[in-house]
Amino acid sequence: MKGVRFHEQGAPDVLRYEELPDPEPGEGEALIKLSAIGVNFIDTYRRSGAYPVDLPDLPGSEGAGEVVALGPGAGGVAVGDRVMVSGGRGTYAELVVASADRLVVLPDGYDEVTAAALPIQAMTAHFLVHSAYPLSRGDTCLVHAGAGGVGLLLIQMAKMRGTHVITTVSTKGKAALAREAGADDVIVYTTEDFVAAVKRITNGAMLPVVYDAVGKTTFDGSLDCLHPRGLLILYGQASGAVPPLDPQVLNAKGSLFLTRPNLGDYTLTPKEFAWRSGDVIAWAGSGKLKVRIGERFPLAEAAEAHRRLEGRLTTGKVILLP
């Protein structure tokens, strides 16, 4: 099979399109021929060295395609099923092996590119608004990077729960996308200080929760947007890692709370995985949740996809096509 690996960590150019051995499914696993692959910031963190990996590494954690073989004891899917692949490692390839219990059989006619866009970003948005901080009608929240893949989905899911959504974006063009997704107030942070804007929008009341996937450049300001006992949910580091924090800072700013969650810890049980995956597949299929596919690249051009994602030149979801 063809796939994309890196033999050393670094810039996008370390990604190599190579001939690789076909994987074989083991106990409880399925082999999937991929038709679409999702690109996520965590892929860039692993490639760049922000996260440790064993080398060489085949990146990618999500996709969609057809089951072509089953290992011993694999249940819940059959050869020929079209599936959403969640949690598989090494999806930047034509074939991938994944645990059968983390595959979701797609309804007839379901678009596989849409399905490939859902496992990480949509399910992350789901746990953020339902579990990390369960939003409710009357809440106001701040969503950073509102025109990004998670941001656009997070805005929509927050609006489903009756929440007033403030978001930040870098350009007027991205502001239009965030408004289209349902954002009530959009701050173009390149022209206005977002903390001052939040203070103005809330008449000084500030916020119970901030969703921050940007990290280093927004972290301090995100804390300043919270009212006493507010919660900062830091779920990414697109601008770089946040420096170590003295917990006394949280005390001084109003007995604040800070969490750094990940999707794996919010899909620990089969029931929880089925809840989140079932919701996002149903919502996207019905049009209740609009999934914006921003750009598509041939698998061989994965390096360019990473360059554009890291350069904040994309909106919505980035997809690779094998």
C-alpha atoms as a PDB file:
ATOM      1  CA  MET A   1       0.000   0.000   0.000  1.00  0.00           C
ATOM      2  CA  LYS A   2       0.936   3.665  -0.250  1.00  0.00           C
ATOM      3  CA  GLY A   3       1.187   5.735   2.907  1.00  0.00           C
ATOM      4  CA  VAL A   4       2.775   8.816   4.450  1.00  0.00           C
ATOM      5  CA  ARG A   5       5.413   8.436   7.178  1.00  0.00           C
ATOM      6  CA  PHE A   6       8.041  10.560   8.873  1.00  0.00           C
ATOM      7  CA  HIS A   7      11.410   9.176   9.936  1.00  0.00           C
ATOM      8  CA  GLU A   8      12.370  12.248  11.954  1.00  0.00           C
ATOM      9  CA  GLN A   9      10.318  14.973  13.601  1.00  0.00           C
ATOM     10  CA  GLY A  10      10.324  18.466  12.172  1.00  0.00           C
ATOM     11  CA  ALA A  11       8.708  20.687   9.541  1.00  0.00           C
ATOM     12  CA  PRO A  12       6.039  19.360   7.138  1.00  0.00           C
ATOM     13  CA  ASP A  13       8.739  18.369   4.652  1.00  0.00           C
ATOM     14  CA  VAL A  14       9.653  15.363   6.829  1.00  0.00           C
ATOM     15  CA  LEU A  15       6.445  13.667   5.617  1.00  0.00           C
ATOM     16  CA  ARG A  16       7.281  11.082   2.940  1.00  0.00           C
ATOM     17  CA  TYR A  17       4.891   9.323   0.575  1.00  0.00           C
ATOM     18  CA  GLU A  18       6.134   5.727   0.558  1.00  0.00           C
ATOM     19  CA  GLU A  19       5.372   2.157  -0.394  1.00  0.00           C
ATOM     20  CA  LEU A  20       4.548   0.305   2.833  1.00  0.00           C
ATOM     21  CA  PRO A  21       3.620  -3.280   3.714  1.00  0.00           C
ATOM     22  CA  ASP A  22      -0.095  -3.993   3.922  1.00  0.00           C
ATOM     23  CA  PRO A  23      -1.209  -4.275   7.564  1.00  0.00           C
ATOM     24  CA  GLU A  24      -3.024  -7.371   8.817  1.00  0.00           C
ATOM     25  CA  PRO A  25      -5.848  -7.317  11.365  1.00  0.00           C
ATOM     26  CA  GLY A  26      -5.196  -8.957  14.710  1.00  0.00           C
ATOM     27  CA  GLU A  27      -7.531 -10.116  17.459  1.00  0.00           C
ATOM     28  CA  GLY A  28     -10.678  -7.970  17.532  1.00  0.00           C
ATOM     29  CA  GLU A  29      -9.475  -5.807  14.641  1.00  0.00           C
ATOM     30  CA  ALA A  30     -10.662  -4.963  11.138  1.00  0.00           C
ATOM     31  CA  LEU A  31      -8.765  -3.944   8.012  1.00  0.00           C
ATOM     32  CA  ILE A  32     -10.268  -0.928   6.260  1.00  0.00           C
ATOM     33  CA  LYS A  33      -9.608   0.356   2.756  1.00  0.00           C
ATOM     34  CA  LEU A  34      -9.790   4.110   3.256  1.00  0.00           C
ATOM     35  CA  SER A  35     -11.576   6.493   0.909  1.00  0.00           C
ATOM     36  CA  ALA A  36     -11.074   9.662   2.986  1.00  0.00           C
ATOM     37  CA  ILE A  37      -8.747  10.651   5.834  1.00  0.00           C
ATOM     38  CA  GLY A  38      -9.158  13.453   8.353  1.00  0.00           C
ATOM     39  CA  VAL A  39      -6.279  15.810   9.170  1.00  0.00           C
ATOM     40  CA  ASN A  40      -6.009  17.181  12.715  1.00  0.00           C
ATOM     41  CA  PHE A  41      -3.691  19.403  14.717  1.00  0.00           C
ATOM     42  CA  ILE A  42      -2.626  16.405  16.799  1.00  0.00           C
ATOM     43  CA  ASP A  43      -1.055  15.008  13.607  1.00  0.00           C
ATOM     44  CA  THR A  44       1.073  18.149  13.344  1.00  0.00           C
ATOM     45  CA  TYR A  45       2.014  17.978  17.041  1.00  0.00           C
ATOM     46  CA  ARG A  46       3.332  14.443  16.578  1.00  0.00           C
ATOM     47  CA  ARG A  47       5.178  15.326  13.390  1.00  0.00           C
ATOM     48  CA  SER A  48       6.745  18.528  14.744  1.00  0.00           C
ATOM     49  CA  GLY A  49       8.051  17.016  17.976  1.00  0.00           C
ATOM     50  CA  ALA A  50       5.558  18.669  20.313  1.00  0.00           C
ATOM     51  CA  TYR A  51       4.379  15.146  21.205  1.00  0.00           C
ATOM     52  CA  PRO A  52       6.784  12.191  21.493  1.00  0.00           C
ATOM     53  CA  VAL A  53       6.388   9.292  19.041  1.00  0.00           C
ATOM     54  CA  ASP A  54       8.297   6.175  18.074  1.00  0.00           C
ATOM     55  CA  LEU A  55      10.012   6.613  14.708  1.00  0.00           C
ATOM     56  CA  PRO A  56       9.256   6.058  11.935  1.00  0.00           C
ATOM     57  CA  ASP A  57       5.646   7.110  12.516  1.00  0.00           C
ATOM     58  CA  LEU A  58       2.597   6.750  10.309  1.00  0.00           C
ATOM     59  CA  PRO A  59       0.297   9.610  11.391  1.00  0.00           C
ATOM     60  CA  GLY A  60      -3.458   9.926  11.347  1.00  0.00           C
ATOM     61  CA  SER A  61      -6.243   8.865  13.701  1.00  0.00           C
ATOM     62  CA  GLU A  62      -9.459   8.973  11.674  1.00  0.00           C
ATOM     63  CA  GLY A  63     -11.012   8.252   8.320  1.00  0.00           C
ATOM     64  CA  ALA A  64     -13.757   6.416   6.489  1.00  0.00           C
ATOM     65  CA  GLY A  65     -13.845   3.511   4.086  1.00  0.00           C
ATOM     66  CA  GLU A  66     -14.794  -0.129   3.546  1.00  0.00           C
ATOM     67  CA  VAL A  67     -14.046  -3.127   5.740  1.00  0.00           C
ATOM     68  CA  VAL A  68     -12.035  -5.595   3.621  1.00  0.00           C
ATOM     69  CA  ALA A  69     -10.944  -8.160   6.234  1.00  0.00           C
ATOM     70  CA  LEU A  70     -11.587  -9.134   9.850  1.00  0.00           C
ATOM     71  CA  GLY A  71      -9.253 -10.517  12.472  1.00  0.00           C
ATOM     72  CA  PRO A  72     -10.206 -13.286  14.920  1.00  0.00           C
ATOM     73  CA  GLY A  73     -12.972 -12.261  17.311  1.00  0.00           C
ATOM     74  CA  ALA A  74     -13.836  -9.026  15.510  1.00  0.00           C
ATOM     75  CA  GLY A  75     -17.544  -8.299  15.874  1.00  0.00           C
ATOM     76  CA  GLY A  76     -20.066  -5.610  15.144  1.00  0.00           C
ATOM     77  CA  VAL A  77     -18.933  -5.108  11.542  1.00  0.00           C
ATOM     78  CA  ALA A  78     -18.770  -7.275   8.429  1.00  0.00           C
ATOM     79  CA  VAL A  79     -16.631  -7.335   5.313  1.00  0.00           C
ATOM     80  CA  GLY A  80     -18.172  -4.868   2.868  1.00  0.00           C
ATOM     81  CA  ASP A  81     -19.490  -2.489   5.536  1.00  0.00           C
ATOM     82  CA  ARG A  82     -18.757   1.191   5.009  1.00  0.00           C
ATOM     83  CA  VAL A  83     -17.487   2.576   8.293  1.00  0.00           C
ATOM     84  CA  MET A  84     -16.285   5.637  10.139  1.00  0.00           C
ATOM     85  CA  VAL A  85     -12.854   4.917  11.620  1.00  0.00           C
ATOM     86  CA  SER A  86     -12.221   6.433  15.041  1.00  0.00           C
ATOM     87  CA  GLY A  87      -9.088   5.999  17.082  1.00  0.00           C
ATOM     88  CA  GLY A  88      -7.105   4.045  14.517  1.00  0.00           C
ATOM     89  CA  ARG A  89      -3.395   4.883  14.387  1.00  0.00           C
ATOM     90  CA  GLY A  90      -1.839   5.317  10.982  1.00  0.00           C
ATOM     91  CA  THR A  91      -4.711   6.470   8.797  1.00  0.00           C
ATOM     92  CA  TYR A  92      -2.431   8.415   6.415  1.00  0.00           C
ATOM     93  CA  ALA A  93      -2.484   5.357   4.164  1.00  0.00           C
ATOM     94  CA  GLU A  94      -4.575   3.375   1.721  1.00  0.00           C
ATOM     95  CA  LEU A  95      -5.228   0.694   4.349  1.00  0.00           C
ATOM     96  CA  VAL A  96      -5.508   0.834   8.134  1.00  0.00           C
ATOM     97  CA  VAL A  97      -6.135  -1.626  10.942  1.00  0.00           C
ATOM     98  CA  ALA A  98      -8.463  -0.483  13.716  1.00  0.00           C
ATOM     99  CA  SER A  99     -10.252  -2.000  16.673  1.00  0.00           C
ATOM    100  CA  ALA A 100     -13.632  -3.231  15.437  1.00  0.00           C
ATOM    101  CA  ASP A 101     -15.385  -1.784  18.482  1.00  0.00           C
ATOM    102  CA  ARG A 102     -14.268   1.717  17.437  1.00  0.00           C
ATOM    103  CA  LEU A 103     -15.811   1.487  13.977  1.00  0.00           C
ATOM    104  CA  VAL A 104     -19.256   2.859  13.227  1.00  0.00           C
ATOM    105  CA  VAL A 105     -21.217   1.389  10.329  1.00  0.00           C
ATOM    106  CA  LEU A 106     -22.496   4.189   8.099  1.00  0.00           C
ATOM    107  CA  PRO A 107     -26.097   4.438   6.893  1.00  0.00           C
ATOM    108  CA  ASP A 108     -26.716   3.693   3.216  1.00  0.00           C
ATOM    109  CA  GLY A 109     -25.737   6.639   1.035  1.00  0.00           C
ATOM    110  CA  TYR A 110     -23.813   8.424   3.795  1.00  0.00           C
ATOM    111  CA  ASP A 111     -21.007  10.585   2.408  1.00  0.00           C
ATOM    112  CA  GLU A 112     -17.649   9.088   3.388  1.00  0.00           C
ATOM    113  CA  VAL A 113     -15.791  12.413   3.241  1.00  0.00           C
ATOM    114  CA  THR A 114     -18.234  13.808   5.792  1.00  0.00           C
ATOM    115  CA  ALA A 115     -17.800  10.677   7.913  1.00  0.00           C
ATOM    116  CA  ALA A 116     -14.005  11.069   7.850  1.00  0.00           C
ATOM    117  CA  ALA A 117     -14.389  14.608   9.199  1.00  0.00           C
ATOM    118  CA  LEU A 118     -16.341  13.579  12.309  1.00  0.00           C
ATOM    119  CA  PRO A 119     -14.404  11.249  14.650  1.00  0.00           C
ATOM    120  CA  ILE A 120     -12.005  13.701  16.268  1.00  0.00           C
ATOM    121  CA  GLN A 121     -13.322  17.200  15.650  1.00  0.00           C
ATOM    122  CA  ALA A 122     -17.067  16.605  15.960  1.00  0.00           C
ATOM    123  CA  MET A 123     -16.767  14.190  18.864  1.00  0.00           C
ATOM    124  CA  THR A 124     -14.406  16.630  20.593  1.00  0.00           C
ATOM    125  CA  ALA A 125     -16.952  19.414  20.186  1.00  0.00           C
ATOM    126  CA  HIS A 126     -19.580  17.033  21.567  1.00  0.00           C
ATOM    127  CA  PHE A 127     -17.724  16.250  24.784  1.00  0.00           C
ATOM    128  CA  LEU A 128     -16.732  19.885  25.249  1.00  0.00           C
ATOM    129  CA  VAL A 129     -20.314  21.190  25.311  1.00  0.00           C
ATOM    130  CA  HIS A 130     -22.011  18.168  26.899  1.00  0.00           C
ATOM    131  CA  SER A 131     -19.481  16.978  29.463  1.00  0.00           C
ATOM    132  CA  ALA A 132     -16.332  19.072  30.027  1.00  0.00           C
ATOM    133  CA  TYR A 133     -18.653  22.000  30.754  1.00  0.00           C
ATOM    134  CA  PRO A 134     -22.318  21.094  30.147  1.00  0.00           C
ATOM    135  CA  LEU A 135     -23.648  24.221  28.494  1.00  0.00           C
ATOM    136  CA  SER A 136     -27.258  25.166  29.137  1.00  0.00           C
ATOM    137  CA  ARG A 137     -29.766  27.743  27.982  1.00  0.00           C
ATOM    138  CA  GLY A 138     -28.776  31.188  29.230  1.00  0.00           C
ATOM    139  CA  ASP A 139     -25.035  30.477  29.395  1.00  0.00           C
ATOM    140  CA  THR A 140     -22.531  32.593  27.489  1.00  0.00           C
ATOM    141  CA  CYS A 141     -19.257  31.058  26.317  1.00  0.00           C
ATOM    142  CA  LEU A 142     -16.154  32.052  24.373  1.00  0.00           C
ATOM    143  CA  VAL A 143     -14.908  29.809  21.567  1.00  0.00           C
ATOM    144  CA  HIS A 144     -11.461  30.616  20.188  1.00  0.00           C
ATOM    145  CA  ALA A 145     -10.676  29.889  16.515  1.00  0.00           C
ATOM    146  CA  GLY A 146     -14.331  29.905  15.553  1.00  0.00           C
ATOM    147  CA  ALA A 147     -13.717  29.297  11.839  1.00  0.00           C
ATOM    148  CA  GLY A 148     -11.556  26.217  12.376  1.00  0.00           C
ATOM    149  CA  GLY A 149     -12.662  22.616  12.131  1.00  0.00           C
ATOM    150  CA  VAL A 150     -13.619  22.192  15.785  1.00  0.00           C
ATOM    151  CA  GLY A 151     -14.637  25.825  16.176  1.00  0.00           C
ATOM    152  CA  LEU A 152     -17.387  25.744  13.554  1.00  0.00           C
ATOM    153  CA  LEU A 153     -18.799  22.536  15.037  1.00  0.00           C
ATOM    154  CA  LEU A 154     -18.466  23.775  18.606  1.00  0.00           C
ATOM    155  CA  ILE A 155     -20.409  26.937  17.800  1.00  0.00           C
ATOM    156  CA  GLN A 156     -23.238  24.914  16.282  1.00  0.00           C
ATOM    157  CA  MET A 157     -23.432  22.460  19.182  1.00  0.00           C
ATOM    158  CA  ALA A 158     -23.360  25.284  21.722  1.00  0.00           C
ATOM    159  CA  LYS A 159     -26.266  26.939  19.907  1.00  0.00           C
ATOM    160  CA  MET A 160     -28.184  23.625  19.997  1.00  0.00           C
ATOM    161  CA  ARG A 161     -27.994  23.926  23.796  1.00  0.00           C
ATOM    162  CA  GLY A 162     -29.337  27.472  23.838  1.00  0.00           C
ATOM    163  CA  THR A 163     -26.035  29.185  24.621  1.00  0.00           C
ATOM    164  CA  HIS A 164     -24.937  32.695  23.623  1.00  0.00           C
ATOM    165  CA  VAL A 165     -21.682  32.191  21.718  1.00  0.00           C
ATOM    166  CA  ILE A 166     -18.822  34.667  21.460  1.00  0.00           C
ATOM    167  CA  THR A 167     -15.970  33.638  19.188  1.00  0.00           C
ATOM    168  CA  THR A 168     -12.602  34.887  17.973  1.00  0.00           C
ATOM    169  CA  VAL A 169     -11.267  34.736  14.405  1.00  0.00           C
ATOM    170  CA  SER A 170      -8.324  36.288  12.569  1.00  0.00           C
ATOM    171  CA  THR A 171     -10.008  37.791   9.486  1.00  0.00           C
ATOM    172  CA  LYS A 172     -13.293  39.278   8.314  1.00  0.00           C
ATOM    173  CA  GLY A 173     -13.713  36.350   5.941  1.00  0.00           C
ATOM    174  CA  LYS A 174     -13.470  33.896   8.813  1.00  0.00           C
ATOM    175  CA  ALA A 175     -15.861  36.087  10.803  1.00  0.00           C
ATOM    176  CA  ALA A 176     -18.511  35.523   8.144  1.00  0.00           C
ATOM    177  CA  LEU A 177     -18.085  31.751   8.448  1.00  0.00           C
ATOM    178  CA  ALA A 178     -18.413  31.900  12.234  1.00  0.00           C
ATOM    179  CA  ARG A 179     -21.600  33.962  11.976  1.00  0.00           C
ATOM    180  CA  GLU A 180     -22.982  31.502   9.437  1.00  0.00           C
ATOM    181  CA  ALA A 181     -22.369  28.736  11.990  1.00  0.00           C
ATOM    182  CA  GLY A 182     -24.471  30.669  14.507  1.00  0.00           C
ATOM    183  CA  ALA A 183     -22.026  32.766  16.553  1.00  0.00           C
ATOM    184  CA  ASP A 184     -23.773  35.678  18.256  1.00  0.00           C
ATOM    185  CA  ASP A 185     -20.709  37.903  18.637  1.00  0.00           C
ATOM    186  CA  VAL A 186     -17.534  37.613  16.553  1.00  0.00           C
ATOM    187  CA  ILE A 187     -14.265  39.250  17.597  1.00  0.00           C
ATOM    188  CA  VAL A 188     -11.595  39.772  14.937  1.00  0.00           C
ATOM    189  CA  TYR A 189      -8.678  39.502  17.341  1.00  0.00           C
ATOM    190  CA  THR A 190      -6.196  41.038  14.899  1.00  0.00           C
ATOM    191  CA  THR A 191      -8.045  44.354  15.114  1.00  0.00           C
ATOM    192  CA  GLU A 192      -9.522  44.256  18.643  1.00  0.00           C
ATOM    193  CA  ASP A 193      -8.270  42.975  21.997  1.00  0.00           C
ATOM    194  CA  PHE A 194     -10.458  39.976  22.721  1.00  0.00           C
ATOM    195  CA  VAL A 195     -10.466  40.456  26.511  1.00  0.00           C
ATOM    196  CA  ALA A 196     -11.683  44.042  26.149  1.00  0.00           C
ATOM    197  CA  ALA A 197     -14.270  42.879  23.630  1.00  0.00           C
ATOM    198  CA  VAL A 198     -15.598  40.186  25.990  1.00  0.00           C
ATOM    199  CA  LYS A 199     -15.815  42.739  28.782  1.00  0.00           C
ATOM    200  CA  ARG A 200     -17.796  45.052  26.483  1.00  0.00           C
ATOM    201  CA  ILE A 201     -20.110  42.321  25.191  1.00  0.00           C
ATOM    202  CA  THR A 202     -20.884  40.991  28.693  1.00  0.00           C
ATOM    203  CA  ASN A 203     -21.130  44.452  30.288  1.00  0.00           C
ATOM    204  CA  GLY A 204     -18.293  43.491  32.596  1.00  0.00           C
ATOM    205  CA  ALA A 205     -19.884  40.256  33.829  1.00  0.00           C
ATOM    206  CA  MET A 206     -17.322  38.085  31.994  1.00  0.00           C
ATOM    207  CA  LEU A 207     -17.814  34.360  31.352  1.00  0.00           C
ATOM    208  CA  PRO A 208     -18.348  31.003  33.059  1.00  0.00           C
ATOM    209  CA  VAL A 209     -16.346  29.081  30.450  1.00  0.00           C
ATOM    210  CA  VAL A 210     -13.780  29.578  27.680  1.00  0.00           C
ATOM    211  CA  TYR A 211     -12.958  26.916  25.073  1.00  0.00           C
ATOM    212  CA  ASP A 212      -9.348  27.423  23.964  1.00  0.00           C
ATOM    213  CA  ALA A 213      -7.521  25.315  21.367  1.00  0.00           C
ATOM    214  CA  VAL A 214      -4.985  28.023  20.528  1.00  0.00           C
ATOM    215  CA  GLY A 215      -2.849  27.762  23.647  1.00  0.00           C
ATOM    216  CA  LYS A 216       0.234  29.885  24.193  1.00  0.00           C
ATOM    217  CA  THR A 217      -0.913  33.169  22.616  1.00  0.00           C
ATOM    218  CA  THR A 218      -4.430  33.183  24.083  1.00  0.00           C
ATOM    219  CA  PHE A 219      -4.013  31.460  27.449  1.00  0.00           C
ATOM    220  CA  ASP A 220      -3.511  34.486  29.712  1.00  0.00           C
ATOM    221  CA  GLY A 221      -6.287  36.408  27.995  1.00  0.00           C
ATOM    222  CA  SER A 222      -8.607  33.424  28.262  1.00  0.00           C
ATOM    223  CA  LEU A 223      -8.146  33.394  32.035  1.00  0.00           C
ATOM    224  CA  ASP A 224      -8.913  37.120  32.107  1.00  0.00           C
ATOM    225  CA  CYS A 225     -12.228  36.493  30.311  1.00  0.00           C
ATOM    226  CA  LEU A 226     -13.576  34.363  33.168  1.00  0.00           C
ATOM    227  CA  HIS A 227     -15.661  35.489  36.101  1.00  0.00           C
ATOM    228  CA  PRO A 228     -14.946  34.055  39.582  1.00  0.00           C
ATOM    229  CA  ARG A 229     -15.076  30.247  39.627  1.00  0.00           C
ATOM    230  CA  GLY A 230     -15.028  30.193  35.830  1.00  0.00           C
ATOM    231  CA  LEU A 231     -13.529  27.311  33.850  1.00  0.00           C
ATOM    232  CA  LEU A 232     -10.869  27.450  31.137  1.00  0.00           C
ATOM    233  CA  ILE A 233     -10.982  24.375  28.915  1.00  0.00           C
ATOM    234  CA  LEU A 234      -7.646  24.172  27.117  1.00  0.00           C
ATOM    235  CA  TYR A 235      -8.048  21.458  24.492  1.00  0.00           C
ATOM    236  CA  GLY A 236      -5.253  22.296  22.042  1.00  0.00           C
ATOM    237  CA  GLN A 237      -2.071  24.281  21.475  1.00  0.00           C
ATOM    238  CA  ALA A 238      -2.139  25.500  17.889  1.00  0.00           C
ATOM    239  CA  SER A 239       0.106  28.463  18.774  1.00  0.00           C
ATOM    240  CA  GLY A 240       2.446  26.446  20.986  1.00  0.00           C
ATOM    241  CA  ALA A 241       2.510  24.887  24.432  1.00  0.00           C
ATOM    242  CA  VAL A 242       1.438  26.931  27.455  1.00  0.00           C
ATOM    243  CA  PRO A 243       4.325  27.538  29.911  1.00  0.00           C
ATOM    244  CA  PRO A 244       4.094  25.970  33.383  1.00  0.00           C
ATOM    245  CA  LEU A 245       1.504  27.705  35.573  1.00  0.00           C
ATOM    246  CA  ASP A 246       1.655  28.503  39.282  1.00  0.00           C
ATOM    247  CA  PRO A 247      -1.753  27.428  40.688  1.00  0.00           C
ATOM    248  CA  GLN A 248      -1.740  30.618  42.767  1.00  0.00           C
ATOM    249  CA  VAL A 249      -2.562  32.456  39.520  1.00  0.00           C
ATOM    250  CA  LEU A 250      -5.932  30.678  39.442  1.00  0.00           C
ATOM    251  CA  ASN A 251      -6.583  31.776  43.019  1.00  0.00           C
ATOM    252  CA  ALA A 252      -5.622  35.385  42.351  1.00  0.00           C
ATOM    253  CA  LYS A 253      -7.858  35.641  39.290  1.00  0.00           C
ATOM    254  CA  GLY A 254     -10.987  34.468  41.102  1.00  0.00           C
ATOM    255  CA  SER A 255     -10.709  30.819  42.203  1.00  0.00           C
ATOM    256  CA  LEU A 256     -10.653  29.722  38.574  1.00  0.00           C
ATOM    257  CA  PHE A 257     -10.665  26.170  37.247  1.00  0.00           C
ATOM    258  CA  LEU A 258      -8.447  24.822  34.466  1.00  0.00           C
ATOM    259  CA  THR A 259      -8.713  21.525  32.594  1.00  0.00           C
ATOM    260  CA  ARG A 260      -6.767  19.970  29.708  1.00  0.00           C
ATOM    261  CA  PRO A 261      -9.108  17.247  28.408  1.00  0.00           C
ATOM    262  CA  ASN A 262      -8.746  14.802  25.544  1.00  0.00           C
ATOM    263  CA  LEU A 263     -11.281  12.814  23.555  1.00  0.00           C
ATOM    264  CA  GLY A 264      -9.986   9.434  24.722  1.00  0.00           C
ATOM    265  CA  ASP A 265     -10.911  10.147  28.329  1.00  0.00           C
ATOM    266  CA  TYR A 266     -14.415  11.179  27.267  1.00  0.00           C
ATOM    267  CA  THR A 267     -15.069   8.005  25.237  1.00  0.00           C
ATOM    268  CA  LEU A 268     -13.794   5.496  27.777  1.00  0.00           C
ATOM    269  CA  THR A 269     -16.818   3.199  27.689  1.00  0.00           C
ATOM    270  CA  PRO A 270     -18.657   1.657  24.729  1.00  0.00           C
ATOM    271  CA  LYS A 271     -21.808   3.461  25.869  1.00  0.00           C
ATOM    272  CA  GLU A 272     -20.100   6.859  25.857  1.00  0.00           C
ATOM    273  CA  PHE A 273     -18.470   6.221  22.468  1.00  0.00           C
ATOM    274  CA  ALA A 274     -21.815   5.134  20.998  1.00  0.00           C
ATOM    275  CA  TRP A 275     -23.535   8.253  22.396  1.00  0.00           C
ATOM    276  CA  ARG A 276     -21.067  10.704  20.917  1.00  0.00           C
ATOM    277  CA  SER A 277     -20.516   8.945  17.594  1.00  0.00           C
ATOM    278  CA  GLY A 278     -24.228   8.288  17.160  1.00  0.00           C
ATOM    279  CA  ASP A 279     -25.137  11.919  17.770  1.00  0.00           C
ATOM    280  CA  VAL A 280     -22.587  13.405  15.382  1.00  0.00           C
ATOM    281  CA  ILE A 281     -23.312  10.936  12.576  1.00  0.00           C
ATOM    282  CA  ALA A 282     -27.056  11.536  12.891  1.00  0.00           C
ATOM    283  CA  TRP A 283     -26.739  15.326  13.114  1.00  0.00           C
ATOM    284  CA  ALA A 284     -24.354  15.587  10.165  1.00  0.00           C
ATOM    285  CA  GLY A 285     -26.456  13.205   8.099  1.00  0.00           C
ATOM    286  CA  SER A 286     -29.655  15.169   8.707  1.00  0.00           C
ATOM    287  CA  GLY A 287     -28.040  18.562   8.139  1.00  0.00           C
ATOM    288  CA  LYS A 288     -28.633  19.658  11.736  1.00  0.00           C
ATOM    289  CA  LEU A 289     -24.843  19.857  12.033  1.00  0.00           C
ATOM    290  CA  LYS A 290     -23.177  21.426   9.011  1.00  0.00           C
ATOM    291  CA  VAL A 291     -19.705  20.006   8.366  1.00  0.00           C
ATOM    292  CA  ARG A 292     -17.571  22.351   6.290  1.00  0.00           C
ATOM    293  CA  ILE A 293     -14.938  20.563   4.220  1.00  0.00           C
ATOM    294  CA  GLY A 294     -12.449  23.365   3.738  1.00  0.00           C
ATOM    295  CA  GLU A 295      -9.804  21.700   1.573  1.00  0.00           C
ATOM    296  CA  ARG A 296      -9.039  18.306   0.043  1.00  0.00           C
ATOM    297  CA  PHE A 297      -5.557  17.071  -0.865  1.00  0.00           C
ATOM    298  CA  PRO A 298      -4.247  13.883  -2.454  1.00  0.00           C
ATOM    299  CA  LEU A 299      -2.597  11.728   0.204  1.00  0.00           C
ATOM    300  CA  ALA A 300       0.767  12.338  -1.486  1.00  0.00           C
ATOM    301  CA  GLU A 301       0.380  16.058  -0.655  1.00  0.00           C
ATOM    302  CA  ALA A 302      -0.001  15.586   3.104  1.00  0.00           C
ATOM    303  CA  ALA A 303       2.930  17.944   3.723  1.00  0.00           C
ATOM    304  CA  GLU A 304       1.085  20.789   1.999  1.00  0.00           C
ATOM    305  CA  ALA A 305      -2.029  20.029   4.039  1.00  0.00           C
ATOM    306  CA  HIS A 306       0.060  20.355   7.217  1.00  0.00           C
ATOM    307  CA  ARG A 307       1.650  23.598   6.015  1.00  0.00           C
ATOM    308  CA  ARG A 308      -1.721  25.181   5.389  1.00  0.00           C
ATOM    309  CA  LEU A 309      -3.240  23.935   8.635  1.00  0.00           C
ATOM    310  CA  GLU A 310      -0.335  25.178  10.749  1.00  0.00           C
ATOM    311  CA  GLY A 311      -0.300  28.479   8.859  1.00  0.00           C
ATOM    312  CA  ARG A 312      -3.971  29.037   9.755  1.00  0.00           C
ATOM    313  CA  LEU A 313      -4.768  29.232   6.056  1.00  0.00           C
ATOM    314  CA  THR A 314      -7.619  26.733   6.256  1.00  0.00           C
ATOM    315  CA  THR A 315     -11.214  26.848   7.422  1.00  0.00           C
ATOM    316  CA  GLY A 316     -13.314  23.881   8.417  1.00  0.00           C
ATOM    317  CA  LYS A 317     -12.002  20.367   7.908  1.00  0.00           C
ATOM    318  CA  VAL A 318      -8.946  19.327   5.898  1.00  0.00           C
ATOM    319  CA  ILE A 319      -9.255  15.952   4.136  1.00  0.00           C
ATOM    320  CA  LEU A 320      -6.707  13.671   2.454  1.00  0.00           C
ATOM    321  CA  LEU A 321      -7.806  11.406  -0.395  1.00  0.00           C
ATOM    322  CA  PRO A 322      -5.841   8.158  -0.944  1.00  0.00           C
END
